C-alpha atoms as a PDB file:
ATOM      1  CA  MET A   1      -0.189   0.024   0.135  1.00  0.00           C
ATOM      2  CA  ARG A   2       2.738   2.054   1.123  1.00  0.00           C
ATOM      3  CA  TYR A   3       4.465   1.878  -2.529  1.00  0.00           C
ATOM      4  CA  LEU A   4       1.568   2.341  -3.933  1.00  0.00           C
ATOM      5  CA  LEU A   5       1.400   5.821  -2.732  1.00  0.00           C
ATOM      6  CA  ILE A   6       5.090   6.679  -3.584  1.00  0.00           C
ATOM      7  CA  ILE A   7       4.421   6.432  -7.710  1.00  0.00           C
ATOM      8  CA  PRO A   8       1.568   8.403  -8.461  1.00  0.00           C
ATOM      9  CA  ALA A   9       4.044  11.230  -5.425  1.00  0.00           C
ATOM     10  CA  ILE A  10       6.315  10.566  -7.988  1.00  0.00           C
ATOM     11  CA  MET A  11       4.445  11.099 -10.895  1.00  0.00           C
ATOM     12  CA  PHE A  12       3.263  14.211 -10.181  1.00  0.00           C
ATOM     13  CA  LEU A  13       6.640  16.509  -8.783  1.00  0.00           C
ATOM     14  CA  LEU A  14       8.636  15.066 -12.472  1.00  0.00           C
ATOM     15  CA  ALA A  15       4.749  16.673 -14.085  1.00  0.00           C
ATOM     16  CA  VAL A  16       5.118  19.882 -11.618  1.00  0.00           C
ATOM     17  CA  ALA A  17       9.511  19.754 -13.033  1.00  0.00           C
ATOM     18  CA  VAL A  18       8.778  19.119 -16.060  1.00  0.00           C
ATOM     19  CA  THR A  19       5.686  21.504 -16.640  1.00  0.00           C
ATOM     20  CA  ALA A  20       8.250  24.257 -14.731  1.00  0.00           C
ATOM     21  CA  CYS A  21      10.325  23.658 -16.994  1.00  0.00           C
ATOM     22  CA  SER A  22       9.062  24.339 -20.657  1.00  0.00           C
ATOM     23  CA  ASN A  23       7.508  27.389 -18.613  1.00  0.00           C
ATOM     24  CA  SER A  24      11.240  28.695 -18.492  1.00  0.00           C
ATOM     25  CA  GLY A  25      12.298  27.667 -20.475  1.00  0.00           C
ATOM     26  CA  ASN A  26       8.972  29.728 -23.056  1.00  0.00           C
ATOM     27  CA  GLY A  27       9.302  32.888 -21.214  1.00  0.00           C
ATOM     28  CA  ASN A  28      12.773  32.957 -22.734  1.00  0.00           C
ATOM     29  CA  ASN A  29      11.638  32.501 -26.228  1.00  0.00           C
ATOM     30  CA  VAL A  30       9.407  35.257 -25.382  1.00  0.00           C
ATOM     31  CA  VAL A  31      11.939  37.814 -24.430  1.00  0.00           C
ATOM     32  CA  GLU A  32      13.981  36.887 -26.781  1.00  0.00           C
ATOM     33  CA  GLU A  33      10.371  37.151 -29.401  1.00  0.00           C
ATOM     34  CA  ALA A  34       9.832  40.131 -27.576  1.00  0.00           C
ATOM     35  CA  ASP A  35      14.009  41.784 -27.673  1.00  0.00           C
ATOM     36  CA  SER A  36      13.776  41.497 -31.566  1.00  0.00           C
ATOM     37  CA  THR A  37       9.991  42.597 -32.065  1.00  0.00           C
ATOM     38  CA  SER A  38      10.744  45.430 -30.746  1.00  0.00           C
ATOM     39  CA  VAL A  39      14.164  46.213 -32.465  1.00  0.00           C
ATOM     40  CA  LEU A  40      11.575  45.046 -36.333  1.00  0.00           C
ATOM     41  CA  ARG A  41       8.996  47.235 -34.985  1.00  0.00           C
ATOM     42  CA  LEU A  42      11.429  50.659 -35.230  1.00  0.00           C
ATOM     43  CA  SER A  43      10.657  51.907 -38.788  1.00  0.00           C
ATOM     44  CA  PRO A  44      13.320  53.193 -40.570  1.00  0.00           C
ATOM     45  CA  GLU A  45      10.776  56.514 -39.787  1.00  0.00           C
ATOM     46  CA  GLU A  46      11.365  56.124 -35.871  1.00  0.00           C
ATOM     47  CA  GLN A  47      15.044  55.566 -36.227  1.00  0.00           C
ATOM     48  CA  ARG A  48      15.619  59.228 -37.900  1.00  0.00           C
ATOM     49  CA  VAL A  49      13.435  60.658 -35.077  1.00  0.00           C
ATOM     50  CA  LYS A  50      15.551  58.668 -32.357  1.00  0.00           C
ATOM     51  CA  ASP A  51      18.586  59.745 -34.540  1.00  0.00           C
ATOM     52  CA  SER A  52      17.153  63.356 -34.319  1.00  0.00           C
ATOM     53  CA  LEU A  53      16.198  63.419 -30.712  1.00  0.00           C
ATOM     54  CA  ASP A  54      18.513  66.316 -29.865  1.00  0.00           C
ATOM     55  CA  SER A  55      21.511  65.785 -26.833  1.00  0.00           C
ATOM     56  CA  ILE A  56      20.421  67.987 -24.406  1.00  0.00           C
ATOM     57  CA  ALA A  57      17.454  65.554 -24.152  1.00  0.00           C
ATOM     58  CA  ALA A  58      20.625  63.233 -22.224  1.00  0.00           C
ATOM     59  CA  LEU A  59      21.248  66.220 -20.258  1.00  0.00           C
ATOM     60  CA  PRO A  60      18.842  66.646 -16.423  1.00  0.00           C
ATOM     61  CA  PRO A  61      16.184  68.670 -17.017  1.00  0.00           C
ATOM     62  CA  SER A  62      17.448  71.490 -14.711  1.00  0.00           C
ATOM     63  CA  VAL A  63      19.318  72.369 -17.854  1.00  0.00           C
ATOM     64  CA  LEU A  64      16.207  72.742 -20.512  1.00  0.00           C
ATOM     65  CA  ARG A  65      15.156  75.090 -18.506  1.00  0.00           C
ATOM     66  CA  ASN A  66      18.020  77.589 -18.756  1.00  0.00           C
ATOM     67  CA  ASP A  67      19.850  78.750 -21.646  1.00  0.00           C
ATOM     68  CA  VAL A  68      23.655  79.405 -22.209  1.00  0.00           C
ATOM     69  CA  THR A  69      24.302  83.424 -22.365  1.00  0.00           C
ATOM     70  CA  THR A  70      28.256  83.019 -22.840  1.00  0.00           C
ATOM     71  CA  PRO A  71      30.578  80.738 -25.249  1.00  0.00           C
ATOM     72  CA  GLU A  72      31.829  79.738 -22.745  1.00  0.00           C
ATOM     73  CA  GLN A  73      28.431  78.449 -21.121  1.00  0.00           C
ATOM     74  CA  ALA A  74      27.740  76.604 -24.140  1.00  0.00           C
ATOM     75  CA  ASP A  75      31.279  75.350 -23.654  1.00  0.00           C
ATOM     76  CA  SER A  76      30.643  73.740 -20.691  1.00  0.00           C
ATOM     77  CA  PHE A  77      26.903  72.746 -22.513  1.00  0.00           C
ATOM     78  CA  MET A  78      28.847  70.924 -25.109  1.00  0.00           C
ATOM     79  CA  ARG A  79      31.544  69.319 -22.903  1.00  0.00           C
ATOM     80  CA  GLN A  80      28.999  67.793 -20.697  1.00  0.00           C
ATOM     81  CA  SER A  81      26.017  66.025 -23.151  1.00  0.00           C
ATOM     82  CA  GLY A  82      27.938  62.516 -24.019  1.00  0.00           C
ATOM     83  CA  TYR A  83      28.266  64.548 -27.410  1.00  0.00           C
ATOM     84  CA  TRP A  84      31.775  66.346 -27.334  1.00  0.00           C
ATOM     85  CA  ALA A  85      33.563  64.156 -29.659  1.00  0.00           C
ATOM     86  CA  GLU A  86      30.694  64.925 -32.306  1.00  0.00           C
ATOM     87  CA  TYR A  87      30.735  68.786 -30.733  1.00  0.00           C
ATOM     88  CA  SER A  88      33.829  69.228 -31.231  1.00  0.00           C
ATOM     89  CA  SER A  89      34.295  68.648 -34.293  1.00  0.00           C
ATOM     90  CA  GLY A  90      31.827  70.996 -36.495  1.00  0.00           C
ATOM     91  CA  VAL A  91      31.042  74.800 -36.348  1.00  0.00           C
ATOM     92  CA  MET A  92      29.278  74.549 -32.577  1.00  0.00           C
ATOM     93  CA  ASP A  93      31.831  76.437 -30.129  1.00  0.00           C
ATOM     94  CA  THR A  94      33.240  78.397 -32.810  1.00  0.00           C
ATOM     95  CA  ILE A  95      29.368  79.934 -33.588  1.00  0.00           C
ATOM     96  CA  ALA A  96      28.947  80.621 -29.715  1.00  0.00           C
ATOM     97  CA  LYS A  97      32.034  82.680 -29.761  1.00  0.00           C
ATOM     98  CA  GLN A  98      30.389  85.249 -32.882  1.00  0.00           C
ATOM     99  CA  ASN A  99      27.112  85.141 -31.923  1.00  0.00           C
ATOM    100  CA  ILE A 100      25.879  83.125 -29.142  1.00  0.00           C
ATOM    101  CA  ASP A 101      22.180  84.164 -29.646  1.00  0.00           C
ATOM    102  CA  TYR A 102      22.826  81.530 -32.522  1.00  0.00           C
ATOM    103  CA  ALA A 103      24.685  78.751 -30.713  1.00  0.00           C
ATOM    104  CA  ASN A 104      21.918  78.861 -28.021  1.00  0.00           C
ATOM    105  CA  ARG A 105      19.211  78.066 -30.039  1.00  0.00           C
ATOM    106  CA  LEU A 106      20.782  75.391 -32.205  1.00  0.00           C
ATOM    107  CA  LEU A 107      21.464  73.267 -29.421  1.00  0.00           C
ATOM    108  CA  HIS A 108      18.170  73.490 -28.693  1.00  0.00           C
ATOM    109  CA  ASN A 109      17.104  72.631 -31.780  1.00  0.00           C
ATOM    110  CA  ARG A 110      14.878  69.048 -31.649  1.00  0.00           C
ATOM    111  CA  GLU A 111      16.018  68.730 -35.710  1.00  0.00           C
ATOM    112  CA  PRO A 112      18.196  66.352 -37.517  1.00  0.00           C
ATOM    113  CA  TYR A 113      20.384  69.472 -39.090  1.00  0.00           C
ATOM    114  CA  PHE A 114      20.224  72.743 -40.075  1.00  0.00           C
ATOM    115  CA  LEU A 115      21.594  74.823 -42.816  1.00  0.00           C
ATOM    116  CA  VAL A 116      23.962  78.506 -43.323  1.00  0.00           C
ATOM    117  CA  ALA A 117      22.874  80.496 -46.088  1.00  0.00           C
ATOM    118  CA  ASP A 118      26.922  82.087 -46.491  1.00  0.00           C
ATOM    119  CA  LYS A 119      26.707  85.172 -48.673  1.00  0.00           C
ATOM    120  CA  GLN A 120      30.729  85.549 -49.341  1.00  0.00           C
ATOM    121  CA  ASN A 121      31.497  82.277 -50.422  1.00  0.00           C
ATOM    122  CA  MET A 122      28.186  81.763 -51.935  1.00  0.00           C
ATOM    123  CA  MET A 123      27.526  78.948 -50.526  1.00  0.00           C
ATOM    124  CA  VAL A 124      24.603  76.598 -48.595  1.00  0.00           C
ATOM    125  CA  VAL A 125      26.013  74.315 -46.068  1.00  0.00           C
ATOM    126  CA  LEU A 126      24.271  71.611 -44.244  1.00  0.00           C
ATOM    127  CA  TYR A 127      25.734  70.794 -41.449  1.00  0.00           C
ATOM    128  CA  ASN A 128      24.201  68.603 -38.300  1.00  0.00           C
ATOM    129  CA  LYS A 129      22.488  69.254 -35.269  1.00  0.00           C
ATOM    130  CA  TYR A 130      26.748  69.057 -33.822  1.00  0.00           C
ATOM    131  CA  GLY A 131      27.060  71.704 -35.929  1.00  0.00           C
ATOM    132  CA  GLN A 132      29.623  69.051 -38.479  1.00  0.00           C
ATOM    133  CA  PRO A 133      29.156  69.840 -41.853  1.00  0.00           C
ATOM    134  CA  HIS A 134      27.765  67.255 -43.941  1.00  0.00           C
ATOM    135  CA  ARG A 135      26.550  68.918 -47.769  1.00  0.00           C
ATOM    136  CA  ALA A 136      27.199  71.717 -49.489  1.00  0.00           C
ATOM    137  CA  TYR A 137      25.811  73.576 -52.090  1.00  0.00           C
ATOM    138  CA  LYS A 138      27.331  75.730 -54.947  1.00  0.00           C
ATOM    139  CA  MET A 139      24.108  78.863 -54.213  1.00  0.00           C
ATOM    140  CA  ALA A 140      23.178  82.207 -55.920  1.00  0.00           C
ATOM    141  CA  CYS A 141      21.673  84.494 -54.303  1.00  0.00           C
ATOM    142  CA  SER A 142      20.057  88.184 -55.284  1.00  0.00           C
ATOM    143  CA  ALA A 143      22.304  90.552 -57.032  1.00  0.00           C
ATOM    144  CA  GLN A 144      21.309  93.653 -54.594  1.00  0.00           C
ATOM    145  CA  PHE A 145      23.508  93.938 -51.238  1.00  0.00           C
ATOM    146  CA  GLY A 146      23.098  94.220 -48.105  1.00  0.00           C
ATOM    147  CA  THR A 147      19.961  92.476 -46.346  1.00  0.00           C
ATOM    148  CA  LYS A 148      15.823  92.586 -47.142  1.00  0.00           C
ATOM    149  CA  HIS A 149      14.143  95.456 -45.986  1.00  0.00           C
ATOM    150  CA  ALA A 150      11.625  96.657 -47.715  1.00  0.00           C
ATOM    151  CA  ARG A 151       9.341  94.994 -51.020  1.00  0.00           C
ATOM    152  CA  ARG A 152      10.069  95.311 -53.904  1.00  0.00           C
ATOM    153  CA  ASP A 153      14.399  96.004 -52.652  1.00  0.00           C
ATOM    154  CA  ASN A 154      14.939  92.648 -54.747  1.00  0.00           C
ATOM    155  CA  ARG A 155      17.064  90.978 -51.747  1.00  0.00           C
ATOM    156  CA  THR A 156      18.443  88.211 -49.522  1.00  0.00           C
ATOM    157  CA  PRO A 157      17.426  88.529 -46.157  1.00  0.00           C
ATOM    158  CA  GLU A 158      20.186  87.815 -44.299  1.00  0.00           C
ATOM    159  CA  GLY A 159      19.577  86.749 -40.050  1.00  0.00           C
ATOM    160  CA  PHE A 160      18.458  83.494 -37.963  1.00  0.00           C
ATOM    161  CA  PHE A 161      14.940  82.487 -40.219  1.00  0.00           C
ATOM    162  CA  SER A 162      13.977  78.545 -39.821  1.00  0.00           C
ATOM    163  CA  ALA A 163      11.614  76.356 -42.381  1.00  0.00           C
ATOM    164  CA  GLU A 164       8.812  76.799 -43.101  1.00  0.00           C
ATOM    165  CA  GLY A 165       7.757  73.855 -45.182  1.00  0.00           C
ATOM    166  CA  ILE A 166       8.778  71.797 -47.848  1.00  0.00           C
ATOM    167  CA  TYR A 167       7.059  72.041 -51.577  1.00  0.00           C
ATOM    168  CA  ASP A 168       6.638  71.202 -54.615  1.00  0.00           C
ATOM    169  CA  SER A 169       7.203  73.705 -56.727  1.00  0.00           C
ATOM    170  CA  THR A 170       7.317  71.948 -60.412  1.00  0.00           C
ATOM    171  CA  GLU A 171       3.781  73.549 -61.761  1.00  0.00           C
ATOM    172  CA  TRP A 172       4.803  76.846 -60.190  1.00  0.00           C
ATOM    173  CA  LEU A 173       5.595  80.690 -61.649  1.00  0.00           C
ATOM    174  CA  PHE A 174       7.107  83.435 -60.660  1.00  0.00           C
ATOM    175  CA  THR A 175       5.232  86.171 -59.378  1.00  0.00           C
ATOM    176  CA  ASP A 176       7.035  89.818 -58.806  1.00  0.00           C
ATOM    177  CA  ASP A 177       6.803  91.609 -55.823  1.00  0.00           C
ATOM    178  CA  ASP A 178       3.855  93.759 -58.097  1.00  0.00           C
ATOM    179  CA  GLY A 179       1.404  91.463 -58.087  1.00  0.00           C
ATOM    180  CA  ASN A 180       2.923  90.521 -61.514  1.00  0.00           C
ATOM    181  CA  THR A 181       3.434  86.866 -63.011  1.00  0.00           C
ATOM    182  CA  SER A 182       5.906  85.800 -66.062  1.00  0.00           C
ATOM    183  CA  GLU A 183       4.177  83.091 -68.133  1.00  0.00           C
ATOM    184  CA  LYS A 184       7.264  80.866 -67.726  1.00  0.00           C
ATOM    185  CA  ARG A 185       6.605  77.750 -65.546  1.00  0.00           C
ATOM    186  CA  GLY A 186       9.723  75.848 -64.072  1.00  0.00           C
ATOM    187  CA  GLN A 187      11.429  78.432 -62.611  1.00  0.00           C
ATOM    188  CA  PHE A 188      11.997  76.801 -59.481  1.00  0.00           C
ATOM    189  CA  GLY A 189      12.415  73.734 -60.328  1.00  0.00           C
ATOM    190  CA  PRO A 190      11.359  70.715 -58.387  1.00  0.00           C
ATOM    191  CA  ARG A 191      11.657  71.785 -54.634  1.00  0.00           C
ATOM    192  CA  PHE A 192      11.236  74.455 -52.832  1.00  0.00           C
ATOM    193  CA  ILE A 193      11.750  74.650 -49.424  1.00  0.00           C
ATOM    194  CA  ARG A 194       9.802  78.250 -48.124  1.00  0.00           C
ATOM    195  CA  ILE A 195      12.210  80.551 -45.508  1.00  0.00           C
ATOM    196  CA  LYS A 196       9.557  80.989 -42.374  1.00  0.00           C
ATOM    197  CA  GLY A 197       9.935  85.430 -41.823  1.00  0.00           C
ATOM    198  CA  ALA A 198      10.605  85.968 -45.402  1.00  0.00           C
ATOM    199  CA  PRO A 199       7.729  86.121 -47.704  1.00  0.00           C
ATOM    200  CA  MET A 200       8.499  85.276 -50.428  1.00  0.00           C
ATOM    201  CA  ILE A 201      11.994  83.700 -50.076  1.00  0.00           C
ATOM    202  CA  GLY A 202      13.186  80.806 -50.413  1.00  0.00           C
ATOM    203  CA  ILE A 203      16.131  78.015 -51.593  1.00  0.00           C
ATOM    204  CA  HIS A 204      15.248  76.056 -54.745  1.00  0.00           C
ATOM    205  CA  ASP A 205      17.307  75.016 -57.750  1.00  0.00           C
ATOM    206  CA  THR A 206      17.210  76.446 -61.278  1.00  0.00           C
ATOM    207  CA  CYS A 207      16.558  77.086 -64.221  1.00  0.00           C
ATOM    208  CA  ALA A 208      19.271  78.817 -64.937  1.00  0.00           C
ATOM    209  CA  PRO A 209      22.652  76.249 -63.547  1.00  0.00           C
ATOM    210  CA  TRP A 210      25.110  78.464 -64.575  1.00  0.00           C
ATOM    211  CA  SER A 211      23.847  81.225 -62.221  1.00  0.00           C
ATOM    212  CA  ARG A 212      25.783  79.487 -59.591  1.00  0.00           C
ATOM    213  CA  GLY A 213      27.583  81.369 -57.814  1.00  0.00           C
ATOM    214  CA  ARG A 214      26.964  84.957 -59.345  1.00  0.00           C
ATOM    215  CA  ARG A 215      24.485  87.623 -57.497  1.00  0.00           C
ATOM    216  CA  ALA A 216      21.949  86.686 -59.529  1.00  0.00           C
ATOM    217  CA  SER A 217      18.310  86.143 -57.574  1.00  0.00           C
ATOM    218  CA  HIS A 218      15.822  88.824 -56.950  1.00  0.00           C
ATOM    219  CA  GLY A 219      15.987  86.777 -53.165  1.00  0.00           C
ATOM    220  CA  CYS A 220      15.727  83.379 -53.499  1.00  0.00           C
ATOM    221  CA  MET A 221      18.803  81.133 -53.054  1.00  0.00           C
ATOM    222  CA  ARG A 222      19.107  78.897 -56.671  1.00  0.00           C
ATOM    223  CA  ILE A 223      20.872  75.523 -56.048  1.00  0.00           C
ATOM    224  CA  HIS A 224      21.457  72.947 -59.142  1.00  0.00           C
ATOM    225  CA  ASN A 225      18.738  70.705 -59.728  1.00  0.00           C
ATOM    226  CA  ALA A 226      19.897  68.186 -58.524  1.00  0.00           C
ATOM    227  CA  HIS A 227      20.837  69.415 -55.288  1.00  0.00           C
ATOM    228  CA  ILE A 228      17.653  70.519 -54.100  1.00  0.00           C
ATOM    229  CA  LEU A 229      16.557  66.854 -54.636  1.00  0.00           C
ATOM    230  CA  GLU A 230      18.826  65.946 -52.082  1.00  0.00           C
ATOM    231  CA  LEU A 231      18.834  68.306 -50.163  1.00  0.00           C
ATOM    232  CA  VAL A 232      15.157  68.089 -49.503  1.00  0.00           C
ATOM    233  CA  THR A 233      15.499  64.577 -48.799  1.00  0.00           C
ATOM    234  CA  PHE A 234      17.057  66.419 -45.108  1.00  0.00           C
ATOM    235  CA  ALA A 235      15.349  69.584 -45.014  1.00  0.00           C
ATOM    236  CA  THR A 236      12.532  69.258 -42.506  1.00  0.00           C
ATOM    237  CA  LYS A 237      10.246  71.711 -40.995  1.00  0.00           C
ATOM    238  CA  GLY A 238      11.166  73.974 -38.387  1.00  0.00           C
ATOM    239  CA  MET A 239      14.742  73.510 -39.239  1.00  0.00           C
ATOM    240  CA  PRO A 240      17.665  76.457 -38.603  1.00  0.00           C
ATOM    241  CA  ILE A 241      18.394  78.011 -41.968  1.00  0.00           C
ATOM    242  CA  ILE A 242      20.834  81.273 -40.695  1.00  0.00           C
ATOM    243  CA  ILE A 243      21.453  83.381 -43.663  1.00  0.00           C
ATOM    244  CA  SER A 244      24.664  85.267 -43.485  1.00  0.00           C
ATOM    245  CA  PRO A 245      25.497  87.946 -45.127  1.00  0.00           C
ATOM    246  CA  SER A 246      29.074  89.230 -47.188  1.00  0.00           C
ATOM    247  CA  ASP A 247      31.631  91.745 -46.729  1.00  0.00           C
ATOM    248  CA  ARG A 248      30.146  93.946 -48.793  1.00  0.00           C
ATOM    249  CA  ASP A 249      26.173  93.225 -48.084  1.00  0.00           C
ATOM    250  CA  GLN A 250      27.442  94.081 -44.422  1.00  0.00           C
ATOM    251  CA  ARG A 251      29.139  97.686 -45.755  1.00  0.00           C
ATOM    252  CA  VAL A 252      25.522  98.630 -47.054  1.00  0.00           C
ATOM    253  CA  ASN A 253      24.311  96.955 -43.234  1.00  0.00           C
ATOM    254  CA  ARG A 254      26.412  99.826 -41.526  1.00  0.00           C
ATOM    255  CA  GLN A 255      25.156 102.186 -44.210  1.00  0.00           C
ATOM    256  CA  GLU A 256      21.740 102.095 -43.999  1.00  0.00           C
ATOM    257  CA  GLY A 257      22.191 101.196 -40.591  1.00  0.00           C
ATOM    258  CA  TYR A 258      22.065  97.541 -39.235  1.00  0.00           C
ATOM    259  CA  THR A 259      24.930  97.262 -37.527  1.00  0.00           C
ATOM    260  CA  ARG A 260      23.399  93.531 -35.842  1.00  0.00           C
ATOM    261  CA  ILE A 261      23.730  91.385 -38.458  1.00  0.00           C
ATOM    262  CA  THR A 262      26.392  88.645 -37.954  1.00  0.00           C
ATOM    263  CA  GLN A 263      28.372  87.809 -40.479  1.00  0.00           C
ATOM    264  CA  LEU A 264      29.731  84.039 -39.700  1.00  0.00           C
ATOM    265  CA  ARG A 265      33.319  83.562 -40.635  1.00  0.00           C
ATOM    266  CA  LEU A 266      33.245  79.304 -41.191  1.00  0.00           C
ATOM    267  CA  PRO A 267      35.192  77.205 -42.007  1.00  0.00           C
ATOM    268  CA  LYS A 268      35.088  77.214 -45.219  1.00  0.00           C
ATOM    269  CA  VAL A 269      33.247  73.825 -47.984  1.00  0.00           C
ATOM    270  CA  ASP A 270      33.412  72.006 -50.651  1.00  0.00           C
ATOM    271  CA  GLU A 271      30.470  71.522 -52.899  1.00  0.00           C
ATOM    272  CA  SER A 272      28.931  67.721 -52.904  1.00  0.00           C
ATOM    273  CA  PRO A 273      29.371  66.153 -56.269  1.00  0.00           C
ATOM    274  CA  ILE A 274      26.318  66.779 -58.613  1.00  0.00           C
ATOM    275  CA  ASP A 275      24.438  63.312 -58.857  1.00  0.00           C
ATOM    276  CA  GLU A 276      23.193  63.671 -61.991  1.00  0.00           C
ATOM    277  CA  ASP A 277      21.834  60.129 -62.029  1.00  0.00           C
ATOM    278  CA  PHE A 278      19.272  61.857 -59.129  1.00  0.00           C
ATOM    279  CA  PRO A 279      16.720  60.026 -58.668  1.00  0.00           C
ATOM    280  CA  GLY A 280      13.876  62.046 -59.903  1.00  0.00           C
ATOM    281  CA  LEU A 281      16.068  64.363 -61.674  1.00  0.00           C
ATOM    282  CA  LYS A 282      15.868  62.656 -65.105  1.00  0.00           C
ATOM    283  CA  ASP A 283      12.491  62.168 -64.692  1.00  0.00           C
ATOM    284  CA  TYR A 284      11.814  66.141 -63.987  1.00  0.00           C
ATOM    285  CA  GLU A 285      13.688  66.371 -66.808  1.00  0.00           C
ATOM    286  CA  GLU A 286      12.140  64.193 -69.831  1.00  0.00           C
ATOM    287  CA  ARG A 287       9.409  66.438 -68.272  1.00  0.00           C
ATOM    288  CA  GLU A 288      10.857  69.288 -69.026  1.00  0.00           C
ATOM    289  CA  LYS A 289      11.723  69.092 -72.301  1.00  0.00           C
ATOM    290  CA  LEU A 290       8.473  67.360 -73.589  1.00  0.00           C
ATOM    291  CA  ILE A 291       6.784  70.345 -72.229  1.00  0.00           C
ATOM    292  CA  GLN A 292       9.046  72.638 -74.089  1.00  0.00           C
ATOM    293  CA  HIS A 293       8.681  70.456 -77.069  1.00  0.00           C
ATOM    294  CA  ARG A 294       5.216  70.524 -76.831  1.00  0.00           C
ATOM    295  CA  LYS A 295       5.367  73.946 -75.943  1.00  0.00           C
ATOM    296  CA  ASP A 296       7.896  74.661 -80.001  1.00  0.00           C
ATOM    297  CA  SER A 297       5.445  72.308 -81.900  1.00  0.00           C
ATOM    298  CA  ILE A 298       3.050  74.683 -80.360  1.00  0.00           C
ATOM    299  CA  ALA A 299       4.840  78.062 -81.792  1.00  0.00           C
ATOM    300  CA  ALA A 300       6.150  77.118 -84.946  1.00  0.00           C
ATOM    301  CA  VAL A 301       1.331  76.009 -85.132  1.00  0.00           C
ATOM    302  CA  LEU A 302       0.883  80.091 -84.849  1.00  0.00           C
ATOM    303  CA  ARG A 303       3.811  80.923 -86.740  1.00  0.00           C
ATOM    304  CA  MET A 304       2.908  79.120 -89.164  1.00  0.00           C
ATOM    305  CA  ARG A 305      -0.971  80.462 -89.357  1.00  0.00           C
ATOM    306  CA  GLU A 306       0.338  83.376 -88.930  1.00  0.00           C
ATOM    307  CA  GLU A 307       1.873  82.740 -92.206  1.00  0.00           C
ATOM    308  CA  LEU A 308      -0.547  81.085 -93.674  1.00  0.00           C
ATOM    309  CA  SER A 309      -2.892  83.849 -92.875  1.00  0.00           C
ATOM    310  CA  ARG A 310      -0.574  86.517 -94.101  1.00  0.00           C
ATOM    311  CA  ASP A 311       0.081  84.202 -97.579  1.00  0.00           C
ATOM    312  CA  THR A 312      -4.030  84.574 -97.580  1.00  0.00           C
ATOM    313  CA  ILE A 313      -4.465  88.553 -97.191  1.00  0.00           C
ATOM    314  CA  ALA A 314      -1.916  89.383 -99.758  1.00  0.00           C
ATOM    315  CA  THR A 315      -4.082  87.022-102.030  1.00  0.00           C
ATOM    316  CA  MET A 316      -6.790  89.103-101.582  1.00  0.00           C
ATOM    317  CA  GLN A 317      -5.396  92.032-101.701  1.00  0.00           C
ATOM    318  CA  ALA A 318      -4.197  90.810-105.162  1.00  0.00           C
ATOM    319  CA  LYS A 319      -7.283  89.656-105.890  1.00  0.00           C
ATOM    320  CA  GLU A 320      -9.111  92.862-105.198  1.00  0.00           C
ATOM    321  CA  GLU A 321      -6.605  94.916-106.495  1.00  0.00           C
ATOM    322  CA  ALA A 322      -6.556  93.207-110.078  1.00  0.00           C
ATOM    323  CA  ASP A 323     -10.608  92.813-110.936  1.00  0.00           C
ATOM    324  CA  THR A 324     -10.892  97.396-109.733  1.00  0.00           C
ATOM    325  CA  MET A 325      -7.796  97.929-111.825  1.00  0.00           C
ATOM    326  CA  PRO A 326      -9.223 100.020-115.143  1.00  0.00           C
ATOM    327  CA  GLN A 327      -9.428  98.410-118.560  1.00  0.00           C
ATOM    328  CA  THR A 328      -7.116 100.368-121.699  1.00  0.00           C
ATOM    329  CA  GLY A 329      -7.329 101.220-125.224  1.00  0.00           C
ATOM    330  CA  ASN A 330      -5.260  97.516-126.846  1.00  0.00           C
ATOM    331  CA  GLU A 331      -7.765  95.460-124.331  1.00  0.00           C
ATOM    332  CA  SER A 332     -11.151  97.153-126.438  1.00  0.00           C
ATOM    333  CA  VAL A 333      -9.085  96.010-129.542  1.00  0.00           C
ATOM    334  CA  GLU A 334      -8.643  92.465-128.784  1.00  0.00           C
ATOM    335  CA  GLN A 335     -12.302  91.925-126.411  1.00  0.00           C
ATOM    336  CA  TYR A 336     -13.665  92.832-130.409  1.00  0.00           C
ATOM    337  CA  TYR A 337     -11.829  91.106-133.042  1.00  0.00           C
ATOM    338  CA  ASP A 338     -12.349  87.918-130.542  1.00  0.00           C
END
């Protein structure tokens, strides 16, 4: 009888042990699967947002409530941020020494990049949030010198701005400050980054790529078609944009009483290569060629119609003149003998 009771007890203990081992194994698998799933669920966009988090998020909340007001405070912040290696190889320290307000805003920037349009070197430089140069594009800007401060002055504004939005400008027409609209489309190219705080001003590409590196625009900043298509893959709404004057711009600014505009003097960055095969560029160019071909064809047809119309009118006038021409005596004799 005693053995009969022992055997079921042993069987029960074995069952409990097997169940425990099974649950333990399942638990480990669940954890591993959960960890794996959490990684897989991080989409490219989520990863971009994660990577774009400002370094100040890693510091105590008390730091977030204080702005930096001196270059020394900016330097101390960058050293304590945990990203000193990145900051030290960028231009943030240089900007802090030249304009602490610019540096303060950039240190609080939560976008992954910021732009500096350098009118001295005629370049638009894309920096990551730590101030490391990422891309550089040769630009054209206003033919007029000095900062924009009135309508119709056709100047490129200077100062600290941000991106208001990024737009498809393929179908846009140029409208001047007086409301006159050009009939020629495509002058802004396929993309337009509008600058908040500077009405009707933005960064776009151009139908005149030879104008890059020159003072040639009405106020906007023009870059190559391939470059604007590349730039908008990095640009975000709210991204800081600094427009820095040239030496000559500053002379005009001082003459007009604008003495608080900062001219940033940053290390020169070489232009990024132009990728003629950049996605979307060929399609845009082929579309522009097709549209131009259609315009040329329509113009040719209109010219032909005009020429035919002129020929028709000339023929009709000649016939009218012949019908009204008086008959001579010889003609009467010939008619008589006929």
